[in-house]
Structures are given as structure tokens and as C-alpha cells.
Amino acid sequence: MSLLRLRDQRLLLIFTVRDLHPPLGVRALLGTETDDGFEFDFAHDRLMLDTRTPIGKYQGGGFGPTVQLDDGTLVTSYSYRGDDDKTHLEVIRWKAPSTNAFGGGQKENSE
């Protein structure tokens, strides 16, 4: 698991789903910091960054750290086990949903 504070002050939690229920792979959650700690909605707000582990494989791979670039995009590296039983490494560049599109986080000021 890793935690990154984004430039807009939201928190990004990255984790790997392994050996549970398909689809396996890398997930992300956006959340906020509260007086009591952190708030994430695991039941509804999961972003699926990687779902390449084939159904029937019991290992969901792993991930490296996520970084936020100057333009606001995110870069996440991860691995997965393919149908060929080999470990594959990939890097994705992606954008987090806006605060208005996401149930968690703070609402943007419309002024």
C-alpha cells in the first residue's frame, strides 16, 4: 500500500488486490484527511488501474510508487502475471477524477 497527497490536497491510496475475488490487480482510492485520520470509501470509489491478471491466476502482481508530475498527471508502475505465467512490468500515466466527479474529497468552489 502507498499513500500520496495530491496537489489538490486529496489523498491517493494505491494497493494491490491479490488472492481474493477477481478481478485481481492494482486499485486506487481517493480520499480526504479528517480530524480522526483518513477517509476512503472502499465500497464505492475504487479506481481500477490494472486488471491484467487473468481469471484463474491466484497472484495479482504488485505496484511501485505513484508520483504526480508537474502537469498533474499520475504515473504508476505495476507488475502482473500473464497467461504465459511470466511476470510483466508496465507503467501507466493517468489522471485522477476531478473532485466534482468523485464522491469523496472536497467540492470545488464554483465562483
Protein backbone atom coordinates (compact mmCIF):
# COMPACT_ATOMS: atom_id res chain seq x y z
CA MET A 1 0.00 0.00 0.00
CA SER A 2 1.14 3.55 -0.63
CA LEU A 3 -0.32 6.94 0.18
CA LEU A 4 0.27 10.16 -1.76
CA ARG A 5 -1.05 13.66 -1.05
CA LEU A 6 -2.09 15.21 -4.36
CA ARG A 7 -1.62 18.88 -5.19
CA ASP A 8 -5.35 19.50 -4.61
CA GLN A 9 -4.87 18.10 -1.05
CA ARG A 10 -6.81 14.88 -1.68
CA LEU A 11 -5.15 11.63 -0.65
CA LEU A 12 -4.43 8.83 -3.12
CA LEU A 13 -4.22 5.30 -1.73
CA ILE A 14 -2.76 2.66 -4.10
CA PHE A 15 -2.99 -1.05 -3.27
CA THR A 16 -2.98 -4.48 -4.89
CA VAL A 17 -5.87 -6.96 -4.80
CA ARG A 18 -4.37 -10.45 -4.57
CA ASP A 19 -5.78 -13.91 -3.93
CA LEU A 20 -9.31 -12.64 -3.24
CA HIS A 21 -12.07 -12.16 -5.76
CA PRO A 22 -11.40 -11.34 -9.41
CA PRO A 23 -10.54 -9.09 -10.97
CA LEU A 24 -7.12 -9.01 -9.33
CA GLY A 25 -4.71 -6.13 -9.83
CA VAL A 26 -3.87 -2.58 -8.80
CA ARG A 27 -6.52 -0.27 -7.35
CA ALA A 28 -6.60 3.34 -6.22
CA LEU A 29 -8.86 5.25 -3.87
CA LEU A 30 -9.16 8.99 -3.48
CA GLY A 31 -9.89 10.26 -0.02
CA THR A 32 -9.55 13.09 2.44
CA GLU A 33 -7.85 13.74 5.71
CA THR A 34 -10.18 14.18 8.69
CA ASP A 35 -9.69 15.12 12.32
CA ASP A 36 -9.73 11.38 13.10
CA GLY A 37 -7.34 10.26 10.36
CA PHE A 38 -8.18 9.42 6.74
CA GLU A 39 -11.50 8.80 4.98
CA PHE A 40 -11.81 6.46 1.99
CA ASP A 41 -14.91 4.74 0.57
CA PHE A 42 -13.66 1.21 -0.20
CA ALA A 43 -17.15 0.03 -1.20
CA HIS A 44 -17.80 2.56 -3.98
CA ASP A 45 -14.87 4.68 -5.07
CA ARG A 46 -12.26 2.20 -6.34
CA LEU A 47 -10.34 3.11 -9.45
CA MET A 48 -9.11 0.05 -11.34
CA LEU A 49 -5.64 0.81 -12.67
CA ASP A 50 -4.70 -2.76 -13.64
CA THR A 51 -6.87 -5.81 -14.28
CA ARG A 52 -4.46 -7.79 -16.46
CA THR A 53 -4.06 -10.81 -14.17
CA PRO A 54 -6.11 -13.48 -15.97
CA ILE A 55 -9.10 -15.10 -14.26
CA GLY A 56 -7.92 -18.29 -12.58
CA LYS A 57 -4.47 -16.94 -11.68
CA TYR A 58 -4.05 -16.54 -7.96
CA GLN A 59 -1.48 -13.77 -7.87
CA GLY A 60 -2.41 -10.17 -8.61
CA GLY A 61 1.11 -8.80 -9.08
CA GLY A 62 2.24 -5.66 -7.34
CA PHE A 63 2.97 -1.98 -7.76
CA GLY A 64 5.64 0.63 -7.28
CA PRO A 65 5.16 4.14 -6.02
CA THR A 66 2.88 6.60 -7.78
CA VAL A 67 4.21 10.08 -8.49
CA GLN A 68 2.40 13.23 -9.55
CA LEU A 69 4.01 15.13 -12.42
CA ASP A 70 4.11 18.92 -12.85
CA ASP A 71 1.09 18.79 -15.19
CA GLY A 72 -0.97 16.97 -12.52
CA THR A 73 -0.97 13.57 -14.19
CA LEU A 74 -0.02 10.50 -12.19
CA VAL A 75 2.47 7.76 -13.09
CA THR A 76 2.09 4.30 -11.53
CA SER A 77 4.27 1.27 -12.20
CA TYR A 78 2.96 -2.24 -11.61
CA SER A 79 3.50 -5.91 -12.38
CA TYR A 80 1.12 -8.72 -13.23
CA ARG A 81 1.35 -12.43 -14.02
CA GLY A 82 0.18 -13.18 -17.54
CA ASP A 83 -1.33 -16.23 -19.18
CA ASP A 84 2.24 -17.24 -20.03
CA ASP A 85 2.99 -17.49 -16.25
CA LYS A 86 5.63 -14.77 -16.60
CA THR A 87 5.73 -11.53 -14.64
CA HIS A 88 5.17 -8.45 -16.80
CA LEU A 89 6.05 -4.87 -15.81
CA GLU A 90 4.15 -1.83 -17.05
CA VAL A 91 3.85 1.87 -16.32
CA ILE A 92 0.68 3.87 -16.79
CA ARG A 93 0.16 7.62 -16.91
CA TRP A 94 -3.31 8.66 -15.79
CA LYS A 95 -5.43 11.46 -14.35
CA ALA A 96 -7.38 11.28 -11.11
CA PRO A 97 -11.08 12.10 -11.48
CA SER A 98 -11.94 15.69 -10.64
CA THR A 99 -13.31 16.41 -7.20
CA ASN A 100 -16.74 17.05 -8.74
CA ALA A 101 -16.75 13.64 -10.46
CA PHE A 102 -15.65 11.83 -7.33
CA GLY A 103 -17.88 11.24 -4.32
CA GLY A 104 -15.06 11.77 -1.83
CA GLY A 105 -12.86 14.77 -1.44
CA GLN A 106 -13.75 18.40 -1.22
CA LYS A 107 -16.08 20.13 -3.61
CA GLU A 108 -14.51 22.68 -5.93
CA ASN A 109 -15.52 26.31 -5.46
CA SER A 110 -17.73 27.33 -8.40
CA GLU A 111 -17.05 31.08 -8.05
